[in-house]
Amino acid sequence: MVGASDLKNGTTYLYNEKPFRVIRYAHSKLGRGGATIKITARNLMSGSQEEQTFTPNNKFDEISTRKRELQYLYNDGTTASFMDPMSFEQMEIPLEVLGDDIYFVKEGETANVLFWDERPLSVEIPPKVTLRVEKTDPGVKGNSATNMYKPAILENGLSVKVPLFIKQGDKIRVDTRNSEYVERAND
């Protein structure tokens, strides 16, 4: 058991039968009243963030999560297939569990998958990824002075707005948190 005042950043715990990881912790005590602990936590099953308020005497079950480095093979529309590169054991994880994060993992690359016991919770992705532009309209010469954007389809099927100077075949960096264009990649 872990007390509410021990829920520091990065701690994982069970609340209402759901696993959470603490993102932000704040302890406050006003005047003669009791202390309160305000936590911003990520639900490890749904990926959503929640604001939670506790008193210091609340107790929670601490859970142990572990990361496994797995190679992403493919997805068939309902499940994503991963392989352990050491044992060559293959496992299928439902796409509902992984959410939209799976679109930022390329086939053949390794990814860290977070497990609670033997249950997969999420795939860890970097904040920015480099992707190739598969399809976009050519920019019109002379329109470069304004901050105009056009639609582009990336190699993972994602549609993003890019500046007019981006051409088909260019590589761009995309913010994985909001699926928006960041910059043109130099590699």
Protein backbone atom coordinates (compact mmCIF):
# COMPACT_ATOMS: atom_id res chain seq x y z
CA MET A 1 0.00 0.00 0.00
CA VAL A 2 1.12 3.52 -0.76
CA GLY A 3 -0.20 6.64 0.94
CA ALA A 4 -1.52 9.61 -1.03
CA SER A 5 1.39 11.76 0.18
CA ASP A 6 3.80 9.20 -1.38
CA LEU A 7 2.29 9.54 -4.88
CA LYS A 8 5.24 11.40 -6.36
CA ASN A 9 5.82 11.91 -10.11
CA GLY A 10 6.15 8.62 -11.97
CA THR A 11 4.51 6.47 -9.27
CA THR A 12 1.97 3.92 -10.53
CA TYR A 13 -1.05 3.01 -8.41
CA LEU A 14 -4.49 1.42 -8.58
CA TYR A 15 -7.56 3.64 -8.10
CA ASN A 16 -11.14 2.47 -8.75
CA GLU A 17 -9.71 -0.76 -10.22
CA LYS A 18 -7.81 1.20 -12.89
CA PRO A 19 -4.02 1.71 -13.17
CA PHE A 20 -2.72 5.29 -13.05
CA ARG A 21 0.70 6.97 -13.30
CA VAL A 22 1.31 10.29 -11.55
CA ILE A 23 2.25 13.13 -13.89
CA ARG A 24 2.09 16.06 -11.45
CA TYR A 25 1.88 16.13 -7.64
CA ALA A 26 0.93 19.12 -5.44
CA HIS A 27 0.51 19.14 -1.65
CA SER A 28 -1.32 22.08 -0.07
CA LYS A 29 -2.39 23.01 3.44
CA LEU A 30 -4.45 26.10 4.08
CA GLY A 31 -4.79 27.54 7.61
CA ARG A 32 -6.36 25.20 10.16
CA GLY A 33 -7.97 22.95 7.58
CA GLY A 34 -6.69 19.56 6.57
CA ALA A 35 -4.08 19.07 3.90
CA THR A 36 -5.08 18.16 0.36
CA ILE A 37 -3.10 16.42 -2.32
CA LYS A 38 -3.87 17.29 -5.92
CA ILE A 39 -2.63 14.91 -8.55
CA THR A 40 -2.68 14.93 -12.33
CA ALA A 41 -2.55 11.28 -13.36
CA ARG A 42 -2.67 9.36 -16.63
CA ASN A 43 -5.08 6.45 -16.85
CA LEU A 44 -2.81 3.72 -18.22
CA MET A 45 -5.69 1.82 -19.80
CA SER A 46 -7.37 4.66 -21.71
CA GLY A 47 -4.49 7.15 -21.92
CA SER A 48 -6.64 10.02 -20.62
CA GLN A 49 -5.49 12.47 -17.97
CA GLU A 50 -7.46 13.05 -14.79
CA GLU A 51 -7.26 15.55 -11.97
CA GLN A 52 -7.65 13.80 -8.61
CA THR A 53 -7.81 15.23 -5.07
CA PHE A 54 -7.03 13.17 -1.95
CA THR A 55 -6.36 13.57 1.73
CA PRO A 56 -3.00 12.35 3.09
CA ASN A 57 -4.61 9.36 4.83
CA ASN A 58 -5.92 7.82 1.57
CA LYS A 59 -4.17 4.53 0.70
CA PHE A 60 -3.75 2.87 -2.68
CA ASP A 61 -2.40 -0.40 -4.02
CA GLU A 62 0.91 0.21 -5.75
CA ILE A 63 1.24 -1.64 -9.04
CA SER A 64 4.37 -2.70 -10.81
CA THR A 65 4.64 -1.97 -14.49
CA ARG A 66 7.45 -2.97 -16.76
CA LYS A 67 8.56 -2.03 -20.23
CA ARG A 68 9.46 -4.57 -22.85
CA GLU A 69 11.27 -3.64 -26.01
CA LEU A 70 9.37 -5.30 -28.85
CA GLN A 71 9.66 -5.13 -32.61
CA TYR A 72 6.53 -3.88 -34.37
CA LEU A 73 5.59 -6.19 -37.24
CA TYR A 74 2.19 -5.11 -38.67
CA ASN A 75 -1.43 -4.44 -37.84
CA ASP A 76 -4.44 -6.10 -39.40
CA GLY A 77 -7.01 -3.45 -38.53
CA THR A 78 -8.01 -4.94 -35.17
CA THR A 79 -4.72 -6.00 -33.57
CA ALA A 80 -1.07 -4.96 -33.78
CA SER A 81 1.53 -7.73 -33.92
CA PHE A 82 4.79 -7.40 -32.00
CA MET A 83 7.76 -9.75 -31.65
CA ASP A 84 10.23 -10.14 -28.82
CA PRO A 85 13.64 -9.83 -30.58
CA MET A 86 15.32 -12.18 -28.09
CA SER A 87 12.86 -15.09 -27.88
CA PHE A 88 11.07 -14.44 -31.23
CA GLU A 89 7.79 -14.84 -29.35
CA GLN A 90 4.97 -12.99 -31.13
CA MET A 91 2.06 -11.28 -29.41
CA GLU A 92 -1.00 -9.48 -30.63
CA ILE A 93 -2.24 -6.35 -28.86
CA PRO A 94 -5.71 -4.93 -29.64
CA LEU A 95 -5.57 -1.53 -31.35
CA GLU A 96 -8.08 -0.12 -28.81
CA VAL A 97 -5.42 -0.58 -26.13
CA LEU A 98 -2.70 1.20 -28.13
CA GLY A 99 -4.89 3.99 -29.51
CA ASP A 100 -3.58 6.40 -32.13
CA ASP A 101 -0.01 6.05 -30.84
CA ILE A 102 0.47 2.95 -33.00
CA TYR A 103 0.37 5.09 -36.16
CA PHE A 104 3.67 6.68 -35.16
CA VAL A 105 5.53 3.35 -34.88
CA LYS A 106 6.98 2.15 -38.18
CA GLU A 107 6.96 -1.49 -39.23
CA GLY A 108 10.22 -3.20 -38.33
CA GLU A 109 11.17 -0.67 -35.65
CA THR A 110 11.40 -1.46 -31.96
CA ALA A 111 9.07 0.17 -29.47
CA ASN A 112 8.76 0.09 -25.70
CA VAL A 113 5.45 -1.47 -24.68
CA LEU A 114 4.27 -0.91 -21.11
CA PHE A 115 2.86 -4.00 -19.36
CA TRP A 116 0.95 -4.40 -16.09
CA ASP A 117 1.43 -8.06 -15.15
CA GLU A 118 1.00 -9.64 -18.59
CA ARG A 119 -1.55 -7.07 -19.80
CA PRO A 120 -0.29 -4.50 -22.35
CA LEU A 121 -1.24 -0.92 -21.48
CA SER A 122 0.41 1.40 -23.99
CA VAL A 123 3.20 1.88 -26.48
CA GLU A 124 5.80 4.53 -25.71
CA ILE A 125 6.45 6.94 -28.56
CA PRO A 126 8.82 9.91 -28.81
CA PRO A 127 7.32 13.42 -28.76
CA LYS A 128 8.35 13.96 -32.41
CA VAL A 129 8.74 11.50 -35.28
CA THR A 130 10.06 11.86 -38.81
CA LEU A 131 7.69 10.75 -41.58
CA ARG A 132 7.77 10.92 -45.38
CA VAL A 133 5.14 12.88 -47.31
CA GLU A 134 3.40 10.41 -49.63
CA LYS A 135 0.96 12.78 -51.33
CA THR A 136 0.47 16.54 -51.46
CA ASP A 137 -0.41 19.16 -54.04
CA PRO A 138 2.46 21.23 -55.43
CA GLY A 139 2.85 24.72 -53.97
CA VAL A 140 2.06 27.69 -56.17
CA LYS A 141 5.04 29.96 -56.83
CA GLY A 142 4.62 33.35 -55.20
CA ASN A 143 2.50 32.11 -52.27
CA SER A 144 5.49 31.70 -49.98
CA ALA A 145 5.16 35.15 -48.37
CA THR A 146 2.05 34.22 -46.40
CA ASN A 147 1.67 31.58 -43.73
CA MET A 148 -0.46 29.24 -45.83
CA TYR A 149 -0.89 25.50 -45.35
CA LYS A 150 -2.03 22.66 -47.58
CA PRO A 151 -3.11 19.08 -46.78
CA ALA A 152 -0.61 16.22 -47.03
CA ILE A 153 -0.91 12.45 -46.60
CA LEU A 154 2.03 10.87 -44.75
CA GLU A 155 3.49 7.36 -45.03
CA ASN A 156 1.47 6.22 -41.99
CA GLY A 157 -1.82 7.38 -43.57
CA LEU A 158 -2.10 10.45 -41.33
CA SER A 159 -3.37 13.67 -42.92
CA VAL A 160 -1.68 16.87 -41.69
CA LYS A 161 -1.48 20.50 -42.78
CA VAL A 162 1.98 21.43 -44.09
CA PRO A 163 3.50 24.68 -45.47
CA LEU A 164 3.33 25.27 -49.21
CA PHE A 165 7.07 24.59 -49.76
CA ILE A 166 6.76 20.92 -48.69
CA LYS A 167 6.83 18.55 -51.68
CA GLN A 168 5.92 14.91 -52.17
CA GLY A 169 8.80 12.74 -50.93
CA ASP A 170 10.03 15.28 -48.35
CA LYS A 171 10.55 14.13 -44.77
CA ILE A 172 8.92 16.16 -42.01
CA ARG A 173 8.79 16.04 -38.22
CA VAL A 174 5.36 15.60 -36.68
CA ASP A 175 4.39 16.25 -33.05
CA THR A 176 2.91 12.94 -31.81
CA ARG A 177 0.83 14.63 -29.09
CA ASN A 178 -1.35 16.64 -31.48
CA SER A 179 -0.46 15.20 -34.94
CA GLU A 180 0.72 18.57 -36.27
CA TYR A 181 3.59 19.59 -38.55
CA VAL A 182 6.67 20.85 -36.69
CA GLU A 183 9.47 21.27 -39.26
CA ARG A 184 11.10 19.84 -42.36
CA ALA A 185 13.60 17.09 -41.53
CA ASN A 186 17.14 17.39 -42.84
CA ASP A 187 17.88 13.64 -43.04
